[in-house]
Amino acid sequence: MMTAAWAEAPAAEPVYQSSPERRTVPERDWGPWLGPFRARLVPSLMQDFGERYLYAAANRALGAPRPGERRVVFLGDSITDRWDLSRSFPGRPYVNRGIGSQVTSQLLLRFHQDVVALHPAAVVVLAGVNDVQGFLQQESDAQIEANWEALGDLADAHGIRVVFGALLPVNGDTAAARDVLRERDPARLRTLNAWLRAFCARRGYVYADYYAALVDGRGLMRHDLTADGIHPLRAGYVLMAPVAEAAIRRALGEKTRTRLPS
C-alpha cells in the first residue's frame, strides 16, 4: 500500500546518459541580413531540421520517371537552388532539389524524400560550403567528410549513381562579399575538395570539378562570375553546366554529347 509520505515525496531527477549538462554557446552576431534570417529560420528547424516540407508537394506532383527516362536529381544548398536547370539543360529530365542555407547533415535527413523516392538514375550532390561557414552548426572537416560518405552510402544502397560536385571557389571582391574569405577559408575549401576527389576515386563516383571551371589565378572565384563572392552569376552556371553534364554522362555510362547552349 502507498503511504502518504511516499505519495508526497518529490519525483527523483531523471538520469540521462548525455550528462553533464549541455553547454551554452555564446550567440554570434550574424549581421543585419543573416541575423534576422537565422532568427526566423531556427524555430522551423526545431520542428523539421531537414526542411522536408519544402519539396513535399512538388515531389508528389512529379510522379515516377517515364519508361526509359534516366532522371537525375541535383541535391544541394542555395548554389543548386539558384541553378535554372531547364535553361542549362533543356529537355533533360533533371530535377532541382536545392535549398538555400542548408548543410550536409540536412541533405542526409531529406535524402529519402527528395532523392530516393523520386527514383533517379543518378544524383548530383553539391554541398559543404555552408558547413564551413558554421551558420547552422559548427563542423570539422572530418564531420563534413563523414556526411559526404553517408550520402554516398544512401545512394549506393538504392542503386543510384553518384556525382559529387567540388566546392566552388569564393572571393571577397565586393562589399557584399566582405566577410566571405573570413567565414569560408579558401585553403580549407581546397583541402576538402582534395579529400572529396580522392573519396570519389575510391568509391567509383564521379567528381565534377566546378572549382577548376570558376577559379582564377589568385585561387579565388573569378571576379566576373559572382556578385557576393559565393553564388555564381549566370555566366558562372554557363561554365558549370558542361562540367555537370559530362559528369552525369560518365556516371550513367553514356557518351559525352555536344556542348550545351549558353
Protein backbone atom coordinates (compact mmCIF):
# COMPACT_ATOMS: atom_id res chain seq x y z
CA MET A 1 0.00 0.00 0.00
CA MET A 2 1.27 3.51 -0.88
CA THR A 3 1.90 5.61 2.23
CA ALA A 4 1.15 9.33 2.44
CA ALA A 5 4.84 10.10 2.91
CA TRP A 6 5.75 8.17 -0.26
CA ALA A 7 2.96 9.83 -2.25
CA GLU A 8 4.12 13.31 -1.27
CA ALA A 9 7.81 12.66 -1.96
CA PRO A 10 9.16 14.61 -4.94
CA ALA A 11 9.94 12.63 -8.06
CA ALA A 12 13.58 11.74 -8.47
CA GLU A 13 15.55 13.68 -11.06
CA PRO A 14 15.79 11.59 -14.22
CA VAL A 15 19.24 10.30 -15.10
CA TYR A 16 20.37 10.98 -18.66
CA GLN A 17 23.18 9.23 -20.45
CA SER A 18 24.09 12.55 -22.07
CA SER A 19 25.11 14.21 -18.78
CA PRO A 20 26.84 16.53 -17.95
CA GLU A 21 24.59 19.45 -18.77
CA ARG A 22 24.60 20.76 -22.30
CA ARG A 23 26.91 23.69 -22.74
CA THR A 24 25.76 27.21 -23.53
CA VAL A 25 27.41 28.68 -26.61
CA PRO A 26 27.62 32.48 -26.96
CA GLU A 27 25.41 33.74 -29.78
CA ARG A 28 27.33 35.21 -32.69
CA ASP A 29 26.34 38.44 -34.39
CA TRP A 30 25.46 37.37 -37.95
CA GLY A 31 24.87 40.88 -39.21
CA PRO A 32 21.85 42.86 -40.41
CA TRP A 33 20.69 40.34 -43.04
CA LEU A 34 21.82 36.89 -41.89
CA GLY A 35 20.93 37.59 -38.26
CA PRO A 36 17.18 38.16 -38.81
CA PHE A 37 17.09 35.36 -41.40
CA ARG A 38 18.62 32.92 -38.93
CA ALA A 39 16.24 34.05 -36.17
CA ARG A 40 13.24 33.30 -38.43
CA LEU A 41 14.72 30.00 -39.59
CA VAL A 42 15.63 28.40 -36.26
CA PRO A 43 12.07 27.81 -34.93
CA SER A 44 11.18 26.00 -38.15
CA LEU A 45 14.34 23.90 -37.97
CA MET A 46 13.43 22.83 -34.44
CA GLN A 47 10.40 21.08 -35.97
CA ASP A 48 11.92 19.86 -39.24
CA PHE A 49 15.70 20.28 -39.38
CA GLY A 50 15.86 18.77 -42.85
CA GLU A 51 13.15 21.16 -44.14
CA ARG A 52 11.46 18.25 -45.88
CA TYR A 53 8.22 20.21 -46.12
CA LEU A 54 9.70 22.50 -48.79
CA TYR A 55 9.59 19.92 -51.61
CA ALA A 56 6.89 17.58 -50.28
CA ALA A 57 4.16 18.84 -52.61
CA ALA A 58 6.47 19.11 -55.62
CA ASN A 59 7.62 15.53 -55.09
CA ARG A 60 4.04 14.26 -55.03
CA ALA A 61 3.25 16.16 -58.21
CA LEU A 62 6.36 14.95 -60.03
CA GLY A 63 5.39 11.31 -60.28
CA ALA A 64 7.55 8.41 -61.40
CA PRO A 65 10.02 8.65 -64.30
CA ARG A 66 8.60 7.79 -67.70
CA PRO A 67 9.67 4.49 -69.29
CA GLY A 68 13.27 4.85 -70.43
CA GLU A 69 13.74 8.17 -68.61
CA ARG A 70 17.01 8.46 -66.69
CA ARG A 71 16.09 11.08 -64.13
CA VAL A 72 18.84 13.00 -62.32
CA VAL A 73 18.33 14.86 -59.04
CA PHE A 74 20.52 17.85 -58.20
CA LEU A 75 20.76 17.97 -54.39
CA GLY A 76 22.36 20.83 -52.54
CA ASP A 77 22.17 24.26 -50.98
CA SER A 78 21.49 27.70 -52.47
CA ILE A 79 24.05 27.27 -55.24
CA THR A 80 21.89 24.41 -56.54
CA ASP A 81 18.64 26.14 -55.58
CA ARG A 82 19.51 29.13 -57.79
CA TRP A 83 20.53 26.99 -60.76
CA ASP A 84 17.98 27.17 -63.58
CA LEU A 85 18.34 23.58 -64.76
CA SER A 86 15.81 23.94 -67.55
CA ARG A 87 17.91 26.71 -69.07
CA SER A 88 21.24 24.96 -68.59
CA PHE A 89 19.98 21.52 -69.67
CA PRO A 90 16.98 21.98 -71.98
CA GLY A 91 14.98 18.84 -72.44
CA ARG A 92 16.88 16.86 -69.84
CA PRO A 93 14.96 15.07 -67.06
CA TYR A 94 16.91 16.90 -64.35
CA VAL A 95 15.19 17.79 -61.07
CA ASN A 96 16.35 20.59 -58.76
CA ARG A 97 16.21 19.84 -55.05
CA GLY A 98 18.42 22.59 -53.71
CA ILE A 99 17.54 24.51 -50.53
CA GLY A 100 19.23 27.75 -49.57
CA SER A 101 21.46 27.82 -46.45
CA GLN A 102 21.42 24.03 -45.98
CA VAL A 103 24.31 21.97 -44.62
CA THR A 104 25.27 18.39 -45.40
CA SER A 105 23.50 16.91 -42.38
CA GLN A 106 20.21 18.35 -43.64
CA LEU A 107 20.73 16.69 -47.00
CA LEU A 108 21.02 13.38 -45.18
CA LEU A 109 17.69 13.92 -43.43
CA ARG A 110 15.83 14.58 -46.68
CA PHE A 111 17.71 12.20 -48.97
CA HIS A 112 14.98 9.54 -48.90
CA GLN A 113 12.18 12.01 -49.67
CA ASP A 114 13.96 14.28 -52.14
CA VAL A 115 16.13 11.71 -53.91
CA VAL A 116 15.29 8.03 -53.31
CA ALA A 117 11.51 8.47 -53.60
CA LEU A 118 11.94 10.19 -56.98
CA HIS A 119 13.61 7.08 -58.46
CA PRO A 120 16.52 8.82 -60.19
CA ALA A 121 19.25 7.08 -62.11
CA ALA A 122 21.79 9.49 -60.62
CA VAL A 123 22.18 12.21 -58.01
CA VAL A 124 24.45 15.26 -58.24
CA VAL A 125 25.46 16.44 -54.76
CA LEU A 126 26.88 19.92 -54.19
CA ALA A 127 27.09 20.94 -50.53
CA GLY A 128 29.55 21.75 -47.78
CA VAL A 129 30.34 25.44 -48.13
CA ASN A 130 27.69 26.35 -45.52
CA ASP A 131 29.14 23.74 -43.16
CA VAL A 132 32.45 25.58 -43.41
CA GLN A 133 30.78 28.89 -42.56
CA GLY A 134 29.12 27.43 -39.44
CA PHE A 135 25.83 29.27 -39.99
CA LEU A 136 23.69 26.45 -38.56
CA GLN A 137 26.23 24.30 -36.73
CA GLN A 138 29.98 24.12 -36.19
CA GLU A 139 31.54 21.21 -38.07
CA SER A 140 35.03 19.89 -38.51
CA ASP A 141 36.36 18.71 -41.85
CA ALA A 142 36.03 15.14 -40.59
CA GLN A 143 32.32 15.66 -39.87
CA ILE A 144 31.70 17.11 -43.33
CA GLU A 145 33.56 14.20 -44.89
CA ALA A 146 31.54 11.71 -42.83
CA ASN A 147 28.32 13.29 -44.12
CA TRP A 148 29.54 13.01 -47.70
CA GLU A 149 30.32 9.34 -47.05
CA ALA A 150 26.83 8.79 -45.63
CA LEU A 151 25.21 10.44 -48.67
CA GLY A 152 27.18 8.09 -50.89
CA ASP A 153 26.15 5.13 -48.75
CA LEU A 154 22.46 6.01 -49.11
CA ALA A 155 22.76 6.35 -52.87
CA ASP A 156 24.63 3.05 -53.15
CA ALA A 157 22.02 1.27 -51.07
CA HIS A 158 19.32 2.31 -53.54
CA GLY A 159 21.24 1.75 -56.76
CA ILE A 160 21.64 5.46 -57.56
CA ARG A 161 24.76 6.59 -59.42
CA VAL A 162 26.66 9.37 -57.67
CA VAL A 163 28.24 12.62 -58.82
CA PHE A 164 29.84 14.87 -56.21
CA GLY A 165 30.43 18.48 -57.19
CA ALA A 166 33.57 20.22 -56.00
CA LEU A 167 33.07 23.11 -53.60
CA LEU A 168 33.20 26.32 -55.58
CA PRO A 169 35.95 28.90 -55.05
CA VAL A 170 34.93 32.09 -53.27
CA ASN A 171 36.16 35.67 -53.26
CA GLY A 172 35.89 38.85 -51.21
CA ASP A 173 35.96 41.34 -54.05
CA THR A 174 32.77 43.31 -53.35
CA ALA A 175 31.09 44.98 -50.40
CA ALA A 176 28.56 42.14 -50.37
CA ALA A 177 31.44 39.67 -50.03
CA ARG A 178 33.36 41.44 -47.27
CA ASP A 179 33.06 38.53 -44.78
CA VAL A 180 33.32 35.66 -47.25
CA LEU A 181 37.03 34.90 -47.04
CA ARG A 182 36.97 35.05 -43.23
CA GLU A 183 33.97 32.71 -42.97
CA ARG A 184 34.89 30.34 -45.81
CA ASP A 185 38.66 29.96 -45.80
CA PRO A 186 39.78 29.23 -49.39
CA ALA A 187 42.57 26.96 -48.15
CA ARG A 188 40.05 24.87 -46.21
CA LEU A 189 37.80 24.60 -49.28
CA ARG A 190 40.76 23.33 -51.31
CA THR A 191 41.60 20.77 -48.61
CA LEU A 192 38.03 19.50 -48.57
CA ASN A 193 37.99 19.28 -52.36
CA ALA A 194 41.19 17.24 -52.34
CA TRP A 195 39.59 14.80 -49.89
CA LEU A 196 36.38 14.65 -51.95
CA ARG A 197 38.25 13.96 -55.19
CA ALA A 198 40.15 11.09 -53.57
CA PHE A 199 36.95 9.77 -51.97
CA CYS A 200 35.20 9.71 -55.35
CA ALA A 201 38.13 7.82 -56.85
CA ARG A 202 38.00 5.22 -54.06
CA ARG A 203 34.25 4.74 -54.33
CA GLY A 204 33.95 4.86 -58.11
CA TYR A 205 31.88 8.07 -58.01
CA VAL A 206 32.30 10.91 -60.49
CA TYR A 207 33.88 14.16 -59.35
CA ALA A 208 32.52 17.25 -61.12
CA ASP A 209 35.29 19.82 -60.88
CA TYR A 210 33.33 23.06 -60.75
CA TYR A 211 36.22 24.59 -58.82
CA ALA A 212 38.60 24.37 -61.78
CA ALA A 213 35.99 25.92 -64.08
CA LEU A 214 35.48 29.02 -61.90
CA VAL A 215 38.83 29.69 -60.19
CA ASP A 216 41.23 32.47 -61.17
CA GLY A 217 44.97 32.93 -60.79
CA ARG A 218 44.55 34.04 -57.16
CA GLY A 219 42.89 30.78 -56.17
CA LEU A 220 39.56 32.61 -55.80
CA MET A 221 36.36 32.76 -57.84
CA ARG A 222 36.71 34.91 -60.92
CA HIS A 223 35.57 38.45 -60.21
CA ASP A 224 33.12 38.50 -63.13
CA LEU A 225 31.33 35.30 -62.12
CA THR A 226 29.81 36.38 -58.78
CA ALA A 227 28.34 39.45 -57.08
CA ASP A 228 28.51 38.21 -53.48
CA GLY A 229 31.65 36.08 -53.54
CA ILE A 230 29.77 32.79 -53.17
CA HIS A 231 26.91 32.35 -55.63
CA PRO A 232 27.63 32.17 -59.36
CA LEU A 233 26.01 34.59 -61.72
CA ARG A 234 24.52 33.24 -64.94
CA ALA A 235 27.99 33.29 -66.52
CA GLY A 236 29.20 31.00 -63.75
CA TYR A 237 26.43 28.49 -64.29
CA VAL A 238 27.22 28.54 -68.01
CA LEU A 239 30.70 27.27 -67.11
CA MET A 240 29.38 24.74 -64.59
CA ALA A 241 26.78 23.17 -66.89
CA PRO A 242 29.12 21.27 -69.24
CA VAL A 243 31.11 20.03 -66.24
CA ALA A 244 27.92 18.65 -64.70
CA GLU A 245 26.67 17.20 -67.97
CA ALA A 246 29.95 15.38 -68.66
CA ALA A 247 30.00 14.03 -65.10
CA ILE A 248 26.40 12.78 -65.33
CA ARG A 249 27.02 11.04 -68.63
CA ARG A 250 30.13 9.42 -67.22
CA ALA A 251 28.21 8.26 -64.14
CA LEU A 252 25.47 6.78 -66.35
CA GLY A 253 27.94 5.23 -68.78
CA GLU A 254 26.82 7.43 -71.66
CA LYS A 255 28.91 9.10 -74.34
CA THR A 256 29.52 12.82 -73.98
CA ARG A 257 27.34 14.86 -76.31
CA THR A 258 27.86 18.22 -77.95
CA ARG A 259 28.29 21.42 -75.95
CA LEU A 260 25.20 22.67 -74.12
CA PRO A 261 23.66 26.02 -75.05
CA SER A 262 24.83 29.05 -73.07
